[in-house]
Amino acid sequence: MTNGPSGRAQLVVLARGPSPGRCKRRLAGGLGMRAAAAVHDRLCAHTLASVAGAPLPAGAEIVLAVQGLGLRAARRWALARWPQHRPRLRIVAQGAGSLGLLMQRQLMRARREGAARVVLIGSDLPSLESADLVEAFRALERAPLVLGPAADGGYWLIGLAGRWPALFAGIPWGSSQVLGQTLAVAEAAGLPVRLLAERGDLDRPGDLSAWR
């Protein structure tokens, strides 16, 4: 799989530092803050292991967009746990704001840096596979928008190629309407969409049973 005429590619992983009380708050309500932070750390490890196992487009850059840690601390954490990513892993700050604003900020940053294809995922996907990432980049060869539907009505992956309309404004983040409203915006803008397989994230204690 190569960049070909589609230009540079970038894979962005959104993650929080595994600090008790600062990540997985809904999960912490049932497990406690330390246990929830440990689960989050394992999820991040699984995510980056999936990234490491994916034959991404040639020259693709991996960007870890972190919240809850300074950049130096985030880099120490990431490279201590996943040293195989050292050659091409870059750490950036997520910044503040809603989920939509965080995603939009990272996608716009990637575009300013010259990335023609950008895939963005979270770090709470226990069923994520390397093949999912490969499929997402391949799908961007055929459509400018790729979405991974989530079981809760949102999406676990978004991929964009070229320019796109305002896909993040007015979306009720955290609700079961996120995917549906995003698809409606894309349809109104005449933006073709490719959908990947549905996946579930891990937010609540009940979600753990499918992972163990």
C-alpha atoms as a PDB file:
ATOM      1  CA  MET A   1       0.000   0.000   0.000  1.00  0.00           C
ATOM      2  CA  THR A   2       1.558   3.295  -1.042  1.00  0.00           C
ATOM      3  CA  ASN A   3       0.761   6.954  -0.991  1.00  0.00           C
ATOM      4  CA  GLY A   4       0.474   7.121  -4.787  1.00  0.00           C
ATOM      5  CA  PRO A   5      -1.323  10.181  -6.105  1.00  0.00           C
ATOM      6  CA  SER A   6      -3.163  10.713  -2.820  1.00  0.00           C
ATOM      7  CA  GLY A   7      -0.153  12.302  -1.101  1.00  0.00           C
ATOM      8  CA  ARG A   8       1.039  12.092   2.453  1.00  0.00           C
ATOM      9  CA  ALA A   9      -0.895  10.249   5.136  1.00  0.00           C
ATOM     10  CA  GLN A  10      -1.209  10.780   8.863  1.00  0.00           C
ATOM     11  CA  LEU A  11      -2.726   8.584  11.575  1.00  0.00           C
ATOM     12  CA  VAL A  12      -3.804  10.489  14.690  1.00  0.00           C
ATOM     13  CA  VAL A  13      -4.536   8.749  18.004  1.00  0.00           C
ATOM     14  CA  LEU A  14      -6.391  10.749  20.652  1.00  0.00           C
ATOM     15  CA  ALA A  15      -5.420   9.692  24.174  1.00  0.00           C
ATOM     16  CA  ARG A  16      -5.457  10.903  27.755  1.00  0.00           C
ATOM     17  CA  GLY A  17      -2.584  10.285  30.112  1.00  0.00           C
ATOM     18  CA  PRO A  18      -3.329   7.332  32.455  1.00  0.00           C
ATOM     19  CA  SER A  19      -3.612   9.454  35.608  1.00  0.00           C
ATOM     20  CA  PRO A  20      -6.185   8.316  38.211  1.00  0.00           C
ATOM     21  CA  GLY A  21      -9.087  10.721  38.275  1.00  0.00           C
ATOM     22  CA  ARG A  22      -8.207  12.290  34.914  1.00  0.00           C
ATOM     23  CA  CYS A  23      -9.239   9.484  32.568  1.00  0.00           C
ATOM     24  CA  LYS A  24     -12.154   7.081  32.235  1.00  0.00           C
ATOM     25  CA  ARG A  25     -14.317   8.869  34.798  1.00  0.00           C
ATOM     26  CA  ARG A  26     -17.449   6.897  33.925  1.00  0.00           C
ATOM     27  CA  LEU A  27     -15.515   3.661  34.320  1.00  0.00           C
ATOM     28  CA  ALA A  28     -14.028   4.911  37.597  1.00  0.00           C
ATOM     29  CA  GLY A  29     -17.546   5.257  38.997  1.00  0.00           C
ATOM     30  CA  GLY A  30     -17.767   1.464  39.151  1.00  0.00           C
ATOM     31  CA  LEU A  31     -14.129   0.365  39.419  1.00  0.00           C
ATOM     32  CA  GLY A  32     -12.404   3.164  41.292  1.00  0.00           C
ATOM     33  CA  MET A  33      -9.988   5.708  39.893  1.00  0.00           C
ATOM     34  CA  ARG A  34      -6.809   3.611  40.005  1.00  0.00           C
ATOM     35  CA  ALA A  35      -8.381   0.551  38.409  1.00  0.00           C
ATOM     36  CA  ALA A  36      -9.963   2.690  35.696  1.00  0.00           C
ATOM     37  CA  ALA A  37      -6.605   4.337  34.967  1.00  0.00           C
ATOM     38  CA  ALA A  38      -4.980   0.892  34.687  1.00  0.00           C
ATOM     39  CA  VAL A  39      -7.664  -0.196  32.202  1.00  0.00           C
ATOM     40  CA  HIS A  40      -7.092   2.984  30.225  1.00  0.00           C
ATOM     41  CA  ASP A  41      -3.352   2.305  30.117  1.00  0.00           C
ATOM     42  CA  ARG A  42      -4.043  -1.190  28.746  1.00  0.00           C
ATOM     43  CA  LEU A  43      -6.410   0.234  26.136  1.00  0.00           C
ATOM     44  CA  CYS A  44      -3.757   2.702  24.987  1.00  0.00           C
ATOM     45  CA  ALA A  45      -1.249  -0.148  24.798  1.00  0.00           C
ATOM     46  CA  HIS A  46      -3.679  -2.175  22.687  1.00  0.00           C
ATOM     47  CA  THR A  47      -4.327   0.777  20.390  1.00  0.00           C
ATOM     48  CA  LEU A  48      -0.675   1.482  19.688  1.00  0.00           C
ATOM     49  CA  ALA A  49       0.068  -2.248  19.308  1.00  0.00           C
ATOM     50  CA  SER A  50      -2.637  -2.312  16.619  1.00  0.00           C
ATOM     51  CA  VAL A  51      -1.024   0.711  14.993  1.00  0.00           C
ATOM     52  CA  ALA A  52       2.384  -0.981  15.120  1.00  0.00           C
ATOM     53  CA  GLY A  53       0.985  -4.068  13.399  1.00  0.00           C
ATOM     54  CA  ALA A  54      -0.679  -2.159  10.569  1.00  0.00           C
ATOM     55  CA  PRO A  55       1.102  -1.777   7.200  1.00  0.00           C
ATOM     56  CA  LEU A  56       0.233   1.889   6.882  1.00  0.00           C
ATOM     57  CA  PRO A  57       0.825   3.916   3.716  1.00  0.00           C
ATOM     58  CA  ALA A  58       4.507   4.459   2.955  1.00  0.00           C
ATOM     59  CA  GLY A  59       5.827   7.411   4.908  1.00  0.00           C
ATOM     60  CA  ALA A  60       2.690   7.734   7.040  1.00  0.00           C
ATOM     61  CA  GLU A  61       3.251   9.676  10.232  1.00  0.00           C
ATOM     62  CA  ILE A  62       1.822   8.525  13.566  1.00  0.00           C
ATOM     63  CA  VAL A  63       0.701  11.351  15.838  1.00  0.00           C
ATOM     64  CA  LEU A  64      -0.320  10.834  19.467  1.00  0.00           C
ATOM     65  CA  ALA A  65      -2.508  13.764  20.528  1.00  0.00           C
ATOM     66  CA  VAL A  66      -2.439  13.780  24.315  1.00  0.00           C
ATOM     67  CA  GLN A  67      -4.510  15.420  27.012  1.00  0.00           C
ATOM     68  CA  GLY A  68      -3.717  15.380  30.731  1.00  0.00           C
ATOM     69  CA  LEU A  69       0.077  15.223  30.360  1.00  0.00           C
ATOM     70  CA  GLY A  70       2.705  17.723  29.302  1.00  0.00           C
ATOM     71  CA  LEU A  71       4.439  16.953  26.038  1.00  0.00           C
ATOM     72  CA  ARG A  72       7.692  15.764  27.660  1.00  0.00           C
ATOM     73  CA  ALA A  73       5.868  13.540  30.135  1.00  0.00           C
ATOM     74  CA  ALA A  74       3.641  12.215  27.346  1.00  0.00           C
ATOM     75  CA  ARG A  75       6.646  11.322  25.219  1.00  0.00           C
ATOM     76  CA  ARG A  76       8.326   9.513  28.139  1.00  0.00           C
ATOM     77  CA  TRP A  77       5.120   7.587  28.809  1.00  0.00           C
ATOM     78  CA  ALA A  78       4.555   6.675  25.166  1.00  0.00           C
ATOM     79  CA  LEU A  79       8.105   5.615  24.353  1.00  0.00           C
ATOM     80  CA  ALA A  80       8.572   3.712  27.607  1.00  0.00           C
ATOM     81  CA  ARG A  81       5.517   1.631  26.795  1.00  0.00           C
ATOM     82  CA  TRP A  82       5.851   1.471  22.990  1.00  0.00           C
ATOM     83  CA  PRO A  83       9.517   1.956  21.994  1.00  0.00           C
ATOM     84  CA  GLN A  84       8.838   0.440  18.560  1.00  0.00           C
ATOM     85  CA  HIS A  85       7.128   3.693  17.602  1.00  0.00           C
ATOM     86  CA  ARG A  86      10.178   5.875  18.292  1.00  0.00           C
ATOM     87  CA  PRO A  87      11.203   6.419  14.638  1.00  0.00           C
ATOM     88  CA  ARG A  88       7.897   7.966  13.527  1.00  0.00           C
ATOM     89  CA  LEU A  89       5.812   8.788  16.617  1.00  0.00           C
ATOM     90  CA  ARG A  90       5.132  12.460  17.236  1.00  0.00           C
ATOM     91  CA  ILE A  91       3.465  13.847  20.353  1.00  0.00           C
ATOM     92  CA  VAL A  92       1.172  16.875  20.202  1.00  0.00           C
ATOM     93  CA  ALA A  93      -1.281  18.450  22.639  1.00  0.00           C
ATOM     94  CA  GLN A  94      -5.011  17.970  22.142  1.00  0.00           C
ATOM     95  CA  GLY A  95      -5.903  21.313  23.652  1.00  0.00           C
ATOM     96  CA  ALA A  96      -9.245  22.053  25.313  1.00  0.00           C
ATOM     97  CA  GLY A  97     -12.842  21.939  24.170  1.00  0.00           C
ATOM     98  CA  SER A  98     -15.546  19.508  23.107  1.00  0.00           C
ATOM     99  CA  LEU A  99     -14.778  16.244  21.353  1.00  0.00           C
ATOM    100  CA  GLY A 100     -15.770  17.825  18.064  1.00  0.00           C
ATOM    101  CA  LEU A 101     -13.392  20.720  18.598  1.00  0.00           C
ATOM    102  CA  LEU A 102     -10.554  18.367  19.582  1.00  0.00           C
ATOM    103  CA  MET A 103     -11.005  16.293  16.438  1.00  0.00           C
ATOM    104  CA  GLN A 104     -11.373  19.297  14.192  1.00  0.00           C
ATOM    105  CA  ARG A 105      -8.218  20.845  15.659  1.00  0.00           C
ATOM    106  CA  GLN A 106      -6.157  17.722  14.945  1.00  0.00           C
ATOM    107  CA  LEU A 107      -7.540  17.262  11.460  1.00  0.00           C
ATOM    108  CA  MET A 108      -6.867  20.888  10.576  1.00  0.00           C
ATOM    109  CA  ARG A 109      -3.342  20.639  11.996  1.00  0.00           C
ATOM    110  CA  ALA A 110      -2.667  17.568   9.870  1.00  0.00           C
ATOM    111  CA  ARG A 111      -3.957  19.332   6.773  1.00  0.00           C
ATOM    112  CA  ARG A 112      -1.790  22.406   7.446  1.00  0.00           C
ATOM    113  CA  GLU A 113       1.185  20.055   7.659  1.00  0.00           C
ATOM    114  CA  GLY A 114       0.442  18.743   4.186  1.00  0.00           C
ATOM    115  CA  ALA A 115      -1.330  15.470   4.961  1.00  0.00           C
ATOM    116  CA  ALA A 116      -3.708  14.597   2.137  1.00  0.00           C
ATOM    117  CA  ARG A 117      -5.234  11.627   3.969  1.00  0.00           C
ATOM    118  CA  VAL A 118      -5.883  11.696   7.705  1.00  0.00           C
ATOM    119  CA  VAL A 119      -7.313   8.923   9.877  1.00  0.00           C
ATOM    120  CA  LEU A 120      -8.214   9.736  13.477  1.00  0.00           C
ATOM    121  CA  ILE A 121      -9.084   7.219  16.207  1.00  0.00           C
ATOM    122  CA  GLY A 122      -9.525   7.197  19.965  1.00  0.00           C
ATOM    123  CA  SER A 123      -7.734   4.954  22.445  1.00  0.00           C
ATOM    124  CA  ASP A 124     -10.676   3.139  24.067  1.00  0.00           C
ATOM    125  CA  LEU A 125     -11.338   0.458  21.445  1.00  0.00           C
ATOM    126  CA  PRO A 126     -10.712  -3.059  22.804  1.00  0.00           C
ATOM    127  CA  SER A 127     -11.807  -4.665  19.511  1.00  0.00           C
ATOM    128  CA  LEU A 128      -9.595  -2.499  17.288  1.00  0.00           C
ATOM    129  CA  GLU A 129      -7.509  -4.482  14.806  1.00  0.00           C
ATOM    130  CA  SER A 130      -4.598  -3.487  12.613  1.00  0.00           C
ATOM    131  CA  ALA A 131      -6.713  -4.447   9.607  1.00  0.00           C
ATOM    132  CA  ASP A 132      -9.224  -1.722  10.527  1.00  0.00           C
ATOM    133  CA  LEU A 133      -6.585   0.961  10.009  1.00  0.00           C
ATOM    134  CA  VAL A 134      -5.442  -0.515   6.720  1.00  0.00           C
ATOM    135  CA  GLU A 135      -9.046  -0.655   5.516  1.00  0.00           C
ATOM    136  CA  ALA A 136      -9.635   2.970   6.527  1.00  0.00           C
ATOM    137  CA  PHE A 137      -6.734   4.261   4.438  1.00  0.00           C
ATOM    138  CA  ARG A 138      -7.766   2.091   1.498  1.00  0.00           C
ATOM    139  CA  ALA A 139     -11.317   3.412   1.748  1.00  0.00           C
ATOM    140  CA  LEU A 140      -9.974   6.963   1.482  1.00  0.00           C
ATOM    141  CA  GLU A 141      -8.730   6.072  -1.990  1.00  0.00           C
ATOM    142  CA  ARG A 142     -12.405   5.710  -3.024  1.00  0.00           C
ATOM    143  CA  ALA A 143     -14.238   8.264  -0.892  1.00  0.00           C
ATOM    144  CA  PRO A 144     -13.292  11.530   0.850  1.00  0.00           C
ATOM    145  CA  LEU A 145     -14.974  10.548   4.141  1.00  0.00           C
ATOM    146  CA  VAL A 146     -14.657   7.276   6.062  1.00  0.00           C
ATOM    147  CA  LEU A 147     -16.471   6.566   9.313  1.00  0.00           C
ATOM    148  CA  GLY A 148     -16.334   3.639  11.724  1.00  0.00           C
ATOM    149  CA  PRO A 149     -19.800   3.318  13.286  1.00  0.00           C
ATOM    150  CA  ALA A 150     -19.823   2.804  17.057  1.00  0.00           C
ATOM    151  CA  ALA A 151     -22.352   0.655  18.885  1.00  0.00           C
ATOM    152  CA  ASP A 152     -23.503   3.663  20.928  1.00  0.00           C
ATOM    153  CA  GLY A 153     -24.525   5.721  17.892  1.00  0.00           C
ATOM    154  CA  GLY A 154     -21.281   7.637  17.495  1.00  0.00           C
ATOM    155  CA  TYR A 155     -18.213   6.728  15.478  1.00  0.00           C
ATOM    156  CA  TRP A 156     -14.882   5.249  16.532  1.00  0.00           C
ATOM    157  CA  LEU A 157     -12.881   6.372  13.484  1.00  0.00           C
ATOM    158  CA  ILE A 158     -13.033   9.232  11.045  1.00  0.00           C
ATOM    159  CA  GLY A 159     -10.926   9.479   7.923  1.00  0.00           C
ATOM    160  CA  LEU A 160     -10.803  12.446   5.580  1.00  0.00           C
ATOM    161  CA  ALA A 161      -9.128  13.147   2.264  1.00  0.00           C
ATOM    162  CA  GLY A 162      -8.829  16.537   0.630  1.00  0.00           C
ATOM    163  CA  ARG A 163     -11.108  19.327   1.776  1.00  0.00           C
ATOM    164  CA  TRP A 164     -14.309  18.824   3.714  1.00  0.00           C
ATOM    165  CA  PRO A 165     -17.282  20.856   4.973  1.00  0.00           C
ATOM    166  CA  ALA A 166     -18.117  21.659   8.604  1.00  0.00           C
ATOM    167  CA  LEU A 167     -18.706  18.106   9.837  1.00  0.00           C
ATOM    168  CA  PHE A 168     -18.295  18.971  13.512  1.00  0.00           C
ATOM    169  CA  ALA A 169     -20.545  21.989  14.074  1.00  0.00           C
ATOM    170  CA  GLY A 170     -23.884  21.416  15.773  1.00  0.00           C
ATOM    171  CA  ILE A 171     -23.293  17.725  16.483  1.00  0.00           C
ATOM    172  CA  PRO A 172     -24.632  16.573  19.898  1.00  0.00           C
ATOM    173  CA  TRP A 173     -21.384  14.968  21.088  1.00  0.00           C
ATOM    174  CA  GLY A 174     -21.828  12.120  23.542  1.00  0.00           C
ATOM    175  CA  SER A 175     -25.324  11.278  22.276  1.00  0.00           C
ATOM    176  CA  SER A 176     -26.644   8.421  20.147  1.00  0.00           C
ATOM    177  CA  GLN A 177     -27.259  10.888  17.288  1.00  0.00           C
ATOM    178  CA  VAL A 178     -23.628  11.646  16.425  1.00  0.00           C
ATOM    179  CA  LEU A 179     -23.258   9.236  13.505  1.00  0.00           C
ATOM    180  CA  GLY A 180     -26.690   9.929  12.071  1.00  0.00           C
ATOM    181  CA  GLN A 181     -26.273  13.683  12.124  1.00  0.00           C
ATOM    182  CA  THR A 182     -22.749  13.464  10.692  1.00  0.00           C
ATOM    183  CA  LEU A 183     -24.054  11.346   7.812  1.00  0.00           C
ATOM    184  CA  ALA A 184     -26.839  13.878   7.251  1.00  0.00           C
ATOM    185  CA  VAL A 185     -24.316  16.734   7.043  1.00  0.00           C
ATOM    186  CA  ALA A 186     -22.188  14.731   4.605  1.00  0.00           C
ATOM    187  CA  GLU A 187     -25.200  13.932   2.425  1.00  0.00           C
ATOM    188  CA  ALA A 188     -26.286  17.572   2.346  1.00  0.00           C
ATOM    189  CA  ALA A 189     -22.774  18.552   1.271  1.00  0.00           C
ATOM    190  CA  GLY A 190     -22.650  15.874  -1.432  1.00  0.00           C
ATOM    191  CA  LEU A 191     -19.762  14.143   0.324  1.00  0.00           C
ATOM    192  CA  PRO A 192     -19.488  10.395  -0.450  1.00  0.00           C
ATOM    193  CA  VAL A 193     -19.001   8.222   2.654  1.00  0.00           C
ATOM    194  CA  ARG A 194     -17.543   4.776   3.234  1.00  0.00           C
ATOM    195  CA  LEU A 195     -18.533   2.934   6.429  1.00  0.00           C
ATOM    196  CA  LEU A 196     -16.313   0.445   8.211  1.00  0.00           C
ATOM    197  CA  ALA A 197     -17.388  -2.339  10.560  1.00  0.00           C
ATOM    198  CA  GLU A 198     -19.182  -1.399  13.761  1.00  0.00           C
ATOM    199  CA  ARG A 199     -17.051  -1.419  16.917  1.00  0.00           C
ATOM    200  CA  GLY A 200     -17.793  -0.764  20.575  1.00  0.00           C
ATOM    201  CA  ASP A 201     -15.709   1.412  22.884  1.00  0.00           C
ATOM    202  CA  LEU A 202     -15.090   0.835  26.571  1.00  0.00           C
ATOM    203  CA  ASP A 203     -16.600   3.532  28.754  1.00  0.00           C
ATOM    204  CA  ARG A 204     -18.549   1.793  31.522  1.00  0.00           C
ATOM    205  CA  PRO A 205     -17.943  -1.202  33.832  1.00  0.00           C
ATOM    206  CA  GLY A 206     -20.466  -3.261  31.853  1.00  0.00           C
ATOM    207  CA  ASP A 207     -18.323  -2.864  28.747  1.00  0.00           C
ATOM    208  CA  LEU A 208     -15.488  -4.837  30.341  1.00  0.00           C
ATOM    209  CA  SER A 209     -17.203  -8.206  29.970  1.00  0.00           C
ATOM    210  CA  ALA A 210     -16.683  -8.222  26.205  1.00  0.00           C
ATOM    211  CA  TRP A 211     -12.962  -7.495  26.626  1.00  0.00           C
ATOM    212  CA  ARG A 212     -11.981 -10.035  29.259  1.00  0.00           C
END
